[in-house]
Amino acid sequence: MPKKPPETVAAVDLGSNSFHMIVCSLTNGNLQTLDRLKEMVRLASGLDKRNYLDIETQERALGCLERFGQRIRNFSPESVRIVGTSTLRQAKNSQQFLEKAEKALNHPIHIISGIEEARLIYQGVAHSLGSNANLRLVMDIGGGSTEYIIGSGDTPRVKESTPMGCVVVSNAFFSEGKLSRSAFTRATLFAEQQLEPIQKQFQRKNWDEAIGASGSLKAIDKVLKAKGWSNNGITLEGLEHLVAHLNQCGHVNELNLPDLDPERLPVFPGGVAIIYATFKSLGIEQMTVSDGALREGVIQDLLGRLYDHDIRSATVQAIAERYHVDKDHAARVKRTIGYVLNQLGEDFGGDNHENMVQFLNWAAELHEIGQDIAHSHYHKHSAYIVENGDFSGFSRQDQILLSTIVRSHRRKLSRSLFKELPSPWNVDAITLTVILRLSVLLHRNRQENDKPDFKISLAKSKVRLQFPDQWLAQAPLTHADLIQEADYLKSAGFKLEFA
């Protein structure tokens, strides 16, 4: 946590249809919006059949990010959070694009899962609506995915992400803007098929009010009001009028709908098919549209991190409980990590020090979760759960980083696992892993008072441990473990000395 929260914060949402940025002033924990920027990039349209993002779309996106970057390039690292969604999850060449995009913005981009996207959307909506006791169904139509969440207050209870969005559905069923009754029927059926597995969980009897969030739903709401088809948000009756109108037209250019942004025309039919299928499948009669969405949720999440309410720490505790971790042992390992870090000082890791401490402590809490599956190779099971589980607050990159440290905390240590991590973690993470390995090793007999008052120094790839006189002679098992550990570390380019 920084010593003093920044005065200005920003959130950027790299959606599959539009890119959004919100910039806010921050005073005593209160936000005031200074700037909102939005550009319709249609990233999802650039995915080819093999899920590669084409050059033309990348260039269009990078042009937008250069403009966004001009506004936030000089912001401090802790004051900006940028997330990528469905298309960047799917694109096989997303890493090459991300490198250029991060250069344009001068900040890292975090790819989030559909479930994490759903959580953040709910946070944005809940914050914009304020608190009430109702159970809310929140729906957000993106360019590449649509999220559904049921929650109350600021707590999401059920979260789902479906692989359909206004760009994807429009490209698949209304290519080049062509419209027909049969195409709309097929698009609606496709959306209903995506909803079928979650229909029971999200049907009308399980919530009190329906809230929509996203440009597609705002646009549909505006059109229904402008045409006089609804005066109370989005209604089933209003949608029936809109669908009938769409089915009378042969092309999106013939729609002639008031208050519809011409830029949205190419993806409008896909959004209508998704909301129409949702109303029919889930038994919705009426939906109110909210101003809050993903970027507002990202800002709220950022505030939590700035004011020491990082959802990721709560997630780690919940996962540790679910997998019946030995809390006393994890606490001992964490204390020894703290003991080591105190000796290495606050300069350890430079600007990345606080993040390094945080990830190292999380790794200590989760390194044994795989034992709930099998003791043999439990570190691999632990790493699999960390990488593939639904971890609230964590980005894809966060989970891969944490998984790599956990996977490497015992036995063979392979440098190659760390090379693919983004900078600075491709260098820093292996050092963290060495600290975790030694802290775990020194607690192998799992006793409360088994750690001696040792001294440690760590310079580049050389680690030196100094134990009290005669301690190693009285701890032959630890001595043997250290000899073995020196071999493991040597194969990874580290030199471990101890006396």
Protein backbone atom coordinates (compact mmCIF):
# COMPACT_ATOMS: atom_id res chain seq x y z
CA MET A 1 0.00 0.00 0.00
CA PRO A 2 1.49 3.39 -0.96
CA LYS A 3 2.29 5.81 1.86
CA LYS A 4 -0.27 8.31 0.55
CA PRO A 5 -3.04 7.46 -1.92
CA PRO A 6 -2.68 9.22 -5.30
CA GLU A 7 -4.77 12.30 -6.00
CA THR A 8 -5.92 10.99 -9.39
CA VAL A 9 -6.80 7.44 -10.44
CA ALA A 10 -7.83 5.84 -13.72
CA ALA A 11 -9.41 2.63 -14.99
CA VAL A 12 -9.30 1.38 -18.56
CA ASP A 13 -11.53 -1.38 -19.97
CA LEU A 14 -10.30 -2.91 -23.24
CA GLY A 15 -13.59 -4.44 -24.28
CA SER A 16 -14.30 -6.52 -27.37
CA ASN A 17 -16.49 -3.76 -28.83
CA SER A 18 -15.42 -0.50 -27.16
CA PHE A 19 -12.43 0.74 -25.19
CA HIS A 20 -13.38 2.88 -22.18
CA MET A 21 -11.35 5.02 -19.80
CA ILE A 22 -12.48 6.80 -16.66
CA VAL A 23 -10.26 9.26 -14.77
CA CYS A 24 -11.25 10.39 -11.26
CA SER A 25 -9.90 12.64 -8.56
CA LEU A 26 -9.50 10.90 -5.20
CA THR A 27 -9.95 12.83 -1.96
CA ASN A 28 -10.30 11.03 1.39
CA GLY A 29 -11.57 7.93 -0.35
CA ASN A 30 -14.19 9.85 -2.39
CA LEU A 31 -14.17 9.79 -6.19
CA GLN A 32 -15.12 12.57 -8.56
CA THR A 33 -15.13 11.87 -12.29
CA LEU A 34 -12.79 14.15 -14.25
CA ASP A 35 -12.77 12.47 -17.64
CA ARG A 36 -14.53 9.74 -19.60
CA LEU A 37 -13.18 8.55 -22.93
CA LYS A 38 -14.74 5.93 -25.18
CA GLU A 39 -13.86 4.65 -28.62
CA MET A 40 -15.61 1.89 -30.54
CA VAL A 41 -12.69 -0.29 -31.64
CA ARG A 42 -14.57 -3.57 -32.34
CA LEU A 43 -11.62 -5.71 -31.32
CA ALA A 44 -13.69 -8.91 -31.66
CA SER A 45 -14.20 -8.23 -35.38
CA GLY A 46 -10.47 -8.64 -35.88
CA LEU A 47 -10.36 -12.28 -34.75
CA ASP A 48 -9.94 -14.69 -37.67
CA LYS A 49 -11.12 -18.31 -37.74
CA ARG A 50 -7.93 -19.44 -36.00
CA ASN A 51 -8.40 -16.81 -33.25
CA TYR A 52 -5.56 -14.54 -34.38
CA LEU A 53 -6.09 -10.78 -34.09
CA ASP A 54 -5.50 -9.19 -37.50
CA ILE A 55 -3.01 -6.37 -38.05
CA GLU A 56 -5.59 -3.81 -39.17
CA THR A 57 -7.62 -4.21 -35.95
CA GLN A 58 -4.46 -4.11 -33.86
CA GLU A 59 -3.45 -0.83 -35.50
CA ARG A 60 -6.93 0.65 -34.89
CA ALA A 61 -6.75 -0.42 -31.23
CA LEU A 62 -3.21 0.91 -30.77
CA GLY A 63 -4.23 4.28 -32.24
CA CYS A 64 -6.93 4.52 -29.57
CA LEU A 65 -4.51 3.49 -26.82
CA GLU A 66 -1.98 6.12 -27.91
CA ARG A 67 -4.73 8.71 -27.32
CA PHE A 68 -5.66 7.16 -23.96
CA GLY A 69 -1.98 6.96 -23.09
CA GLN A 70 -1.51 10.69 -23.54
CA ARG A 71 -3.90 11.19 -20.60
CA ILE A 72 -2.49 8.58 -18.17
CA ARG A 73 1.09 7.88 -19.31
CA ASN A 74 2.63 9.80 -16.42
CA PHE A 75 0.29 8.50 -13.70
CA SER A 76 1.99 6.53 -10.90
CA PRO A 77 1.79 2.71 -11.33
CA GLU A 78 -0.52 2.18 -8.33
CA SER A 79 -3.05 4.75 -9.59
CA VAL A 80 -4.00 2.96 -12.84
CA ARG A 81 -5.66 -0.38 -13.50
CA ILE A 82 -6.23 -1.64 -17.03
CA VAL A 83 -8.16 -4.81 -17.86
CA GLY A 84 -8.63 -6.80 -21.06
CA THR A 85 -11.66 -9.02 -21.62
CA SER A 86 -13.10 -11.65 -23.98
CA THR A 87 -11.17 -11.01 -27.22
CA LEU A 88 -7.83 -10.66 -25.45
CA ARG A 89 -8.62 -13.88 -23.56
CA GLN A 90 -9.20 -15.66 -26.86
CA ALA A 91 -6.58 -14.19 -29.21
CA LYS A 92 -3.65 -16.54 -29.70
CA ASN A 93 -1.37 -13.61 -30.50
CA SER A 94 -2.62 -11.42 -27.66
CA GLN A 95 0.84 -11.34 -26.03
CA GLN A 96 2.41 -9.60 -29.03
CA PHE A 97 -0.43 -7.07 -29.09
CA LEU A 98 -0.21 -6.51 -25.32
CA GLU A 99 3.48 -5.63 -25.52
CA LYS A 100 2.70 -2.82 -27.98
CA ALA A 101 -0.43 -1.78 -26.08
CA GLU A 102 1.43 -1.53 -22.76
CA LYS A 103 4.07 0.61 -24.42
CA ALA A 104 1.34 2.96 -25.73
CA LEU A 105 -0.24 3.27 -22.27
CA ASN A 106 2.96 3.02 -20.20
CA HIS A 107 1.08 0.72 -17.79
CA PRO A 108 0.52 -3.06 -17.57
CA ILE A 109 -2.67 -4.62 -18.94
CA HIS A 110 -4.30 -7.41 -16.95
CA ILE A 111 -6.38 -10.02 -18.77
CA ILE A 112 -9.31 -11.07 -16.60
CA SER A 113 -11.47 -14.18 -16.76
CA GLY A 114 -15.17 -14.03 -17.62
CA ILE A 115 -16.06 -14.74 -13.99
CA GLU A 116 -13.77 -11.95 -12.75
CA GLU A 117 -15.29 -9.66 -15.38
CA ALA A 118 -18.73 -10.54 -13.99
CA ARG A 119 -17.61 -9.70 -10.43
CA LEU A 120 -16.22 -6.32 -11.47
CA ILE A 121 -19.33 -5.48 -13.53
CA TYR A 122 -21.48 -6.20 -10.49
CA GLN A 123 -19.26 -3.95 -8.31
CA GLY A 124 -19.64 -1.11 -10.84
CA VAL A 125 -23.42 -1.47 -11.02
CA ALA A 126 -23.85 -1.88 -7.25
CA HIS A 127 -21.77 1.25 -6.58
CA SER A 128 -23.75 3.34 -9.06
CA LEU A 129 -27.13 2.21 -7.69
CA GLY A 130 -26.35 2.42 -3.98
CA SER A 131 -27.43 -0.14 -1.43
CA ASN A 132 -30.78 -1.84 -1.14
CA ALA A 133 -31.91 -5.22 0.10
CA ASN A 134 -33.16 -6.48 -3.26
CA LEU A 135 -31.68 -9.44 -5.03
CA ARG A 136 -30.50 -8.06 -8.36
CA LEU A 137 -29.98 -9.78 -11.67
CA VAL A 138 -27.28 -7.80 -13.47
CA MET A 139 -26.64 -8.36 -17.18
CA ASP A 140 -23.87 -6.88 -19.31
CA ILE A 141 -23.63 -7.45 -23.08
CA GLY A 142 -20.04 -7.02 -24.23
CA GLY A 143 -18.58 -7.40 -27.69
CA GLY A 144 -17.41 -10.98 -27.16
CA SER A 145 -19.18 -12.21 -24.02
CA THR A 146 -22.26 -11.54 -21.94
CA GLU A 147 -22.14 -11.69 -18.14
CA TYR A 148 -24.98 -12.54 -15.74
CA ILE A 149 -24.76 -11.96 -11.99
CA ILE A 150 -27.19 -12.27 -9.10
CA GLY A 151 -26.26 -10.35 -5.97
CA SER A 152 -27.49 -8.13 -3.18
CA GLY A 153 -25.94 -4.91 -1.91
CA ASP A 154 -22.32 -4.95 -3.07
CA THR A 155 -21.98 -8.75 -2.87
CA PRO A 156 -22.30 -10.91 -6.00
CA ARG A 157 -23.66 -14.38 -5.17
CA VAL A 158 -23.83 -16.17 -8.53
CA LYS A 159 -21.64 -15.21 -11.51
CA GLU A 160 -21.60 -16.52 -15.08
CA SER A 161 -19.98 -15.49 -18.35
CA THR A 162 -21.34 -16.73 -21.68
CA PRO A 163 -19.37 -16.72 -24.97
CA MET A 164 -21.75 -14.45 -26.88
CA GLY A 165 -21.49 -10.72 -27.45
CA CYS A 166 -22.94 -8.11 -29.78
CA VAL A 167 -19.91 -8.19 -32.13
CA VAL A 168 -19.67 -11.99 -32.20
CA VAL A 169 -23.41 -12.53 -32.79
CA SER A 170 -23.67 -9.70 -35.35
CA ASN A 171 -20.69 -11.04 -37.33
CA ALA A 172 -22.03 -14.60 -37.24
CA PHE A 173 -25.67 -13.93 -38.18
CA PHE A 174 -25.85 -10.42 -39.67
CA SER A 175 -22.62 -10.16 -41.67
CA GLU A 176 -22.20 -6.99 -43.72
CA GLY A 177 -25.29 -5.61 -41.97
CA LYS A 178 -27.77 -7.91 -43.76
CA LEU A 179 -31.00 -8.54 -41.86
CA SER A 180 -33.74 -11.17 -42.24
CA ARG A 181 -36.37 -12.85 -40.13
CA SER A 182 -34.61 -16.24 -40.44
CA ALA A 183 -31.23 -14.76 -39.47
CA PHE A 184 -32.75 -13.18 -36.37
CA THR A 185 -34.44 -16.47 -35.45
CA ARG A 186 -31.10 -18.30 -35.77
CA ALA A 187 -29.30 -15.64 -33.71
CA THR A 188 -31.91 -15.83 -30.96
CA LEU A 189 -31.75 -19.63 -30.92
CA PHE A 190 -27.95 -19.46 -30.63
CA ALA A 191 -28.25 -17.12 -27.63
CA GLU A 192 -30.88 -19.38 -26.04
CA GLN A 193 -28.50 -22.33 -26.39
CA GLN A 194 -25.76 -20.39 -24.55
CA LEU A 195 -28.26 -19.61 -21.77
CA GLU A 196 -29.60 -23.15 -21.42
CA PRO A 197 -26.99 -24.39 -18.88
CA ILE A 198 -27.56 -21.37 -16.58
CA GLN A 199 -31.30 -20.86 -17.18
CA LYS A 200 -32.40 -22.56 -13.95
CA GLN A 201 -30.01 -20.53 -11.75
CA PHE A 202 -30.96 -17.17 -13.25
CA GLN A 203 -34.71 -17.52 -13.85
CA ARG A 204 -37.16 -14.91 -12.57
CA LYS A 205 -38.01 -16.51 -9.22
CA ASN A 206 -34.37 -16.16 -8.04
CA TRP A 207 -34.16 -12.34 -8.05
CA ASP A 208 -36.24 -9.21 -7.39
CA GLU A 209 -35.12 -6.71 -10.07
CA ALA A 210 -33.21 -6.83 -13.38
CA ILE A 211 -30.47 -4.30 -14.13
CA GLY A 212 -28.71 -3.88 -17.47
CA ALA A 213 -25.20 -2.48 -17.92
CA SER A 214 -23.35 -1.86 -21.21
CA GLY A 215 -23.50 0.26 -24.33
CA SER A 216 -25.73 -2.24 -26.12
CA LEU A 217 -28.39 -2.17 -23.41
CA LYS A 218 -28.20 1.63 -23.08
CA ALA A 219 -28.67 1.93 -26.85
CA ILE A 220 -31.67 -0.43 -26.84
CA ASP A 221 -33.18 1.46 -23.88
CA LYS A 222 -32.80 4.79 -25.75
CA VAL A 223 -34.35 3.41 -28.95
CA LEU A 224 -37.37 1.97 -27.11
CA LYS A 225 -38.02 5.30 -25.38
CA ALA A 226 -37.51 7.35 -28.55
CA LYS A 227 -39.95 5.17 -30.51
CA GLY A 228 -42.50 5.18 -27.69
CA TRP A 229 -42.27 1.40 -27.38
CA SER A 230 -41.42 1.62 -23.67
CA ASN A 231 -41.42 4.34 -21.01
CA ASN A 232 -40.07 2.10 -18.25
CA GLY A 233 -36.63 0.84 -19.20
CA ILE A 234 -36.36 -2.23 -21.44
CA THR A 235 -39.60 -4.24 -21.49
CA LEU A 236 -40.58 -7.48 -23.18
CA GLU A 237 -43.38 -5.66 -25.00
CA GLY A 238 -40.94 -3.01 -26.22
CA LEU A 239 -38.51 -5.67 -27.42
CA GLU A 240 -41.29 -7.41 -29.38
CA HIS A 241 -41.89 -4.09 -31.25
CA LEU A 242 -38.14 -3.68 -31.88
CA VAL A 243 -37.73 -7.26 -33.14
CA ALA A 244 -40.73 -6.85 -35.48
CA HIS A 245 -39.12 -3.66 -36.84
CA LEU A 246 -35.76 -5.40 -37.40
CA ASN A 247 -37.49 -8.26 -39.21
CA GLN A 248 -39.10 -5.84 -41.67
CA CYS A 249 -35.71 -4.47 -42.77
CA GLY A 250 -33.19 -6.04 -45.15
CA HIS A 251 -30.13 -4.10 -43.93
CA VAL A 252 -29.06 -2.20 -40.81
CA ASN A 253 -28.93 1.02 -42.88
CA GLU A 254 -32.72 0.78 -43.29
CA LEU A 255 -33.43 0.67 -39.54
CA ASN A 256 -33.88 4.43 -39.22
CA LEU A 257 -34.00 4.31 -35.43
CA PRO A 258 -33.86 7.66 -33.56
CA ASP A 259 -31.14 8.16 -30.97
CA LEU A 260 -29.09 5.18 -32.25
CA ASP A 261 -25.42 6.08 -32.73
CA PRO A 262 -24.48 5.24 -36.36
CA GLU A 263 -21.26 3.67 -35.03
CA ARG A 264 -23.34 1.09 -33.17
CA LEU A 265 -25.42 0.06 -36.20
CA PRO A 266 -23.22 -2.89 -37.31
CA VAL A 267 -23.42 -4.58 -33.88
CA PHE A 268 -26.94 -3.52 -32.89
CA PRO A 269 -28.83 -6.60 -34.20
CA GLY A 270 -26.57 -8.99 -32.27
CA GLY A 271 -27.23 -7.10 -29.05
CA VAL A 272 -30.99 -7.17 -29.67
CA ALA A 273 -30.92 -10.95 -30.30
CA ILE A 274 -29.03 -11.53 -27.01
CA ILE A 275 -31.36 -9.40 -24.86
CA TYR A 276 -34.48 -10.83 -26.56
CA ALA A 277 -33.29 -14.40 -25.93
CA THR A 278 -32.42 -13.48 -22.33
CA PHE A 279 -35.86 -12.01 -21.62
CA LYS A 280 -37.55 -15.10 -23.05
CA SER A 281 -35.25 -17.68 -21.40
CA LEU A 282 -35.14 -16.13 -17.94
CA GLY A 283 -38.72 -14.84 -17.79
CA ILE A 284 -37.81 -11.13 -17.60
CA GLU A 285 -40.59 -8.58 -18.09
CA GLN A 286 -38.70 -5.34 -17.39
CA MET A 287 -35.07 -4.22 -16.98
CA THR A 288 -33.64 -0.91 -15.73
CA VAL A 289 -30.37 0.28 -17.28
CA SER A 290 -27.52 1.41 -15.01
CA ASP A 291 -24.68 3.86 -15.69
CA GLY A 292 -22.22 1.71 -13.74
CA ALA A 293 -20.31 -0.99 -15.60
CA LEU A 294 -16.94 -2.75 -15.77
CA ARG A 295 -14.71 0.35 -15.60
CA GLU A 296 -16.52 1.65 -12.49
CA GLY A 297 -16.03 -1.78 -10.93
CA VAL A 298 -12.33 -1.67 -11.80
CA ILE A 299 -12.02 1.75 -10.11
CA GLN A 300 -13.73 0.39 -6.97
CA ASP A 301 -11.35 -2.57 -6.97
CA LEU A 302 -8.40 -0.20 -7.31
CA LEU A 303 -9.65 1.80 -4.31
CA GLY A 304 -9.73 -1.40 -2.28
CA ARG A 305 -6.07 -1.99 -3.06
CA LEU A 306 -5.13 1.59 -2.24
CA TYR A 307 -6.92 1.51 1.11
CA ASP A 308 -5.74 -1.95 2.16
CA HIS A 309 -8.95 -3.85 1.34
CA ASP A 310 -7.49 -5.96 -1.44
CA ILE A 311 -10.09 -8.56 -2.45
CA ARG A 312 -7.21 -10.85 -3.47
CA SER A 313 -6.16 -11.37 0.15
CA ALA A 314 -9.70 -12.40 1.11
CA THR A 315 -9.75 -14.77 -1.88
CA VAL A 316 -6.50 -16.43 -0.79
CA GLN A 317 -7.88 -16.97 2.72
CA ALA A 318 -11.10 -18.46 1.34
CA ILE A 319 -9.20 -20.83 -0.99
CA ALA A 320 -6.89 -21.91 1.85
CA GLU A 321 -9.95 -22.76 3.96
CA ARG A 322 -11.67 -24.60 1.13
CA TYR A 323 -8.62 -26.85 0.65
CA HIS A 324 -8.09 -27.41 4.39
CA VAL A 325 -4.65 -25.85 4.61
CA ASP A 326 -2.69 -26.31 7.86
CA LYS A 327 -3.01 -22.67 8.94
CA ASP A 328 -0.45 -22.94 11.73
CA HIS A 329 2.17 -24.26 9.35
CA ALA A 330 1.39 -21.58 6.74
CA ALA A 331 1.70 -18.94 9.48
CA ARG A 332 5.11 -20.32 10.50
CA VAL A 333 6.34 -20.17 6.90
CA LYS A 334 5.04 -16.60 6.56
CA ARG A 335 6.81 -15.54 9.76
CA THR A 336 10.08 -16.92 8.43
CA ILE A 337 9.52 -15.12 5.12
CA GLY A 338 9.02 -11.90 7.12
CA TYR A 339 12.21 -12.64 9.07
CA VAL A 340 14.13 -13.04 5.78
CA LEU A 341 12.63 -9.92 4.20
CA ASN A 342 13.48 -7.82 7.25
CA GLN A 343 17.11 -8.78 6.80
CA LEU A 344 17.04 -8.05 3.07
CA GLY A 345 15.57 -4.59 3.76
CA GLU A 346 13.03 -2.36 2.00
CA ASP A 347 15.38 -1.86 -0.95
CA PHE A 348 14.90 -5.52 -1.87
CA GLY A 349 13.05 -5.59 -5.19
CA GLY A 350 13.18 -1.81 -5.64
CA ASP A 351 9.88 -0.36 -6.89
CA ASN A 352 8.37 -3.85 -6.96
CA HIS A 353 9.05 -4.49 -3.24
CA GLU A 354 5.45 -4.28 -1.98
CA ASN A 355 4.08 -6.48 -4.75
CA MET A 356 6.85 -9.02 -4.13
CA VAL A 357 6.02 -9.23 -0.41
CA GLN A 358 2.32 -9.63 -1.20
CA PHE A 359 2.75 -12.45 -3.72
CA LEU A 360 5.28 -14.24 -1.51
CA ASN A 361 2.85 -14.26 1.41
CA TRP A 362 0.00 -15.48 -0.80
CA ALA A 363 2.24 -18.27 -2.09
CA ALA A 364 3.04 -19.27 1.51
CA GLU A 365 -0.67 -19.49 2.29
CA LEU A 366 -1.48 -21.59 -0.79
CA HIS A 367 1.60 -23.75 -1.39
CA GLU A 368 0.02 -26.83 0.23
CA ILE A 369 -3.55 -26.64 -1.12
CA GLY A 370 -2.78 -29.52 -3.51
CA GLN A 371 -2.44 -31.90 -0.55
CA ASP A 372 -6.24 -31.94 -0.43
CA ILE A 373 -6.07 -33.80 -3.77
CA ALA A 374 -3.01 -36.02 -3.26
CA HIS A 375 0.19 -35.84 -1.23
CA SER A 376 2.32 -37.13 -4.10
CA HIS A 377 3.41 -34.20 -6.29
CA TYR A 378 1.11 -31.94 -4.26
CA HIS A 379 3.01 -28.85 -5.43
CA LYS A 380 1.83 -29.56 -8.99
CA HIS A 381 -1.77 -29.95 -7.82
CA SER A 382 -1.45 -26.69 -5.86
CA ALA A 383 -0.14 -24.88 -8.93
CA TYR A 384 -2.93 -26.24 -11.13
CA ILE A 385 -5.63 -25.01 -8.74
CA VAL A 386 -4.00 -21.57 -8.48
CA GLU A 387 -3.66 -21.19 -12.25
CA ASN A 388 -7.08 -22.50 -13.22
CA GLY A 389 -9.40 -21.64 -10.32
CA ASP A 390 -11.83 -18.72 -10.13
CA PHE A 391 -9.78 -16.34 -7.97
CA SER A 392 -11.70 -13.11 -7.30
CA GLY A 393 -9.55 -10.02 -7.84
CA PHE A 394 -6.77 -11.86 -9.65
CA SER A 395 -5.97 -11.30 -13.31
CA ARG A 396 -4.82 -14.10 -15.58
CA GLN A 397 -1.23 -12.85 -15.22
CA ASP A 398 -1.55 -12.72 -11.40
CA GLN A 399 -2.66 -16.36 -11.29
CA ILE A 400 0.10 -17.57 -13.61
CA LEU A 401 2.70 -15.73 -11.52
CA LEU A 402 1.39 -17.14 -8.24
CA SER A 403 1.06 -20.61 -9.77
CA THR A 404 4.67 -20.52 -11.00
CA ILE A 405 6.01 -19.66 -7.52
CA VAL A 406 3.84 -22.33 -5.86
CA ARG A 407 4.77 -24.95 -8.48
CA SER A 408 8.47 -24.29 -7.90
CA HIS A 409 8.55 -24.25 -4.09
CA ARG A 410 10.03 -27.75 -3.79
CA ARG A 411 12.09 -30.29 -5.66
CA LYS A 412 13.47 -29.34 -9.07
CA LEU A 413 13.72 -25.61 -9.83
CA SER A 414 13.50 -24.74 -13.52
CA ARG A 415 14.45 -21.25 -14.71
CA SER A 416 12.54 -21.81 -17.97
CA LEU A 417 9.20 -21.60 -16.08
CA PHE A 418 9.97 -17.99 -15.18
CA LYS A 419 11.13 -16.74 -18.60
CA GLU A 420 7.59 -16.38 -19.95
CA LEU A 421 6.45 -14.14 -17.06
CA PRO A 422 6.08 -10.41 -17.85
CA SER A 423 8.76 -8.01 -16.66
CA PRO A 424 9.83 -7.53 -13.86
CA TRP A 425 8.49 -10.90 -12.68
CA ASN A 426 10.61 -12.87 -15.14
CA VAL A 427 13.53 -11.83 -12.90
CA ASP A 428 11.93 -11.17 -9.49
CA ALA A 429 9.73 -14.29 -9.24
CA ILE A 430 12.59 -16.77 -9.15
CA THR A 431 14.18 -14.84 -6.25
CA LEU A 432 10.85 -14.99 -4.40
CA THR A 433 10.69 -18.71 -5.06
CA VAL A 434 14.13 -19.23 -3.50
CA ILE A 435 12.97 -17.38 -0.36
CA LEU A 436 9.80 -19.50 -0.18
CA ARG A 437 11.77 -22.74 -0.72
CA LEU A 438 14.17 -21.95 2.14
CA SER A 439 11.34 -20.85 4.46
CA VAL A 440 9.45 -24.11 3.80
CA LEU A 441 12.61 -26.20 4.17
CA LEU A 442 13.38 -24.72 7.60
CA HIS A 443 9.93 -25.84 8.82
CA ARG A 444 10.02 -29.36 7.49
CA ASN A 445 9.36 -30.97 10.89
CA ARG A 446 6.36 -28.61 11.32
CA GLN A 447 7.17 -27.74 14.93
CA GLU A 448 6.42 -24.34 16.43
CA ASN A 449 9.92 -23.46 17.62
CA ASP A 450 12.15 -25.17 15.09
CA LYS A 451 13.56 -22.09 13.34
CA PRO A 452 16.97 -20.85 14.54
CA ASP A 453 18.02 -17.19 14.47
CA PHE A 454 19.90 -17.41 11.19
CA LYS A 455 21.41 -14.67 9.05
CA ILE A 456 20.78 -14.50 5.31
CA SER A 457 22.30 -12.55 2.45
CA LEU A 458 21.11 -12.64 -1.14
CA ALA A 459 23.20 -11.05 -3.88
CA LYS A 460 22.08 -11.76 -7.44
CA SER A 461 22.39 -15.56 -7.71
CA LYS A 462 24.32 -16.18 -4.48
CA VAL A 463 22.52 -17.08 -1.23
CA ARG A 464 24.35 -17.33 2.08
CA LEU A 465 22.84 -18.71 5.31
CA GLN A 466 24.64 -18.42 8.64
CA PHE A 467 23.25 -20.50 11.53
CA PRO A 468 24.17 -20.29 15.24
CA ASP A 469 27.23 -22.33 16.28
CA GLN A 470 26.59 -26.08 16.40
CA TRP A 471 22.97 -25.69 15.28
CA LEU A 472 23.40 -27.63 12.04
CA ALA A 473 25.26 -30.41 13.86
CA GLN A 474 22.21 -30.81 16.10
CA ALA A 475 19.81 -30.70 13.14
CA PRO A 476 21.13 -33.42 10.78
CA LEU A 477 17.87 -33.66 8.80
CA THR A 478 17.88 -29.91 8.01
CA HIS A 479 21.59 -30.17 7.16
CA ALA A 480 20.84 -32.98 4.68
CA ASP A 481 17.92 -30.97 3.23
CA LEU A 482 20.19 -27.95 2.70
CA ILE A 483 22.77 -30.08 0.88
CA GLN A 484 19.98 -31.36 -1.39
CA GLU A 485 18.61 -27.82 -1.83
CA ALA A 486 22.05 -26.54 -2.87
CA ASP A 487 21.96 -29.10 -5.71
CA TYR A 488 18.46 -28.03 -6.78
CA LEU A 489 19.44 -24.34 -6.76
CA LYS A 490 22.71 -25.02 -8.59
CA SER A 491 20.79 -26.49 -11.53
CA ALA A 492 18.86 -23.19 -11.70
CA GLY A 493 22.01 -21.06 -11.62
CA PHE A 494 21.99 -20.21 -7.89
CA LYS A 495 24.77 -20.86 -5.40
CA LEU A 496 23.63 -21.75 -1.88
CA GLU A 497 26.20 -21.58 0.91
CA PHE A 498 25.47 -22.34 4.56
CA ALA A 499 27.41 -22.79 7.76
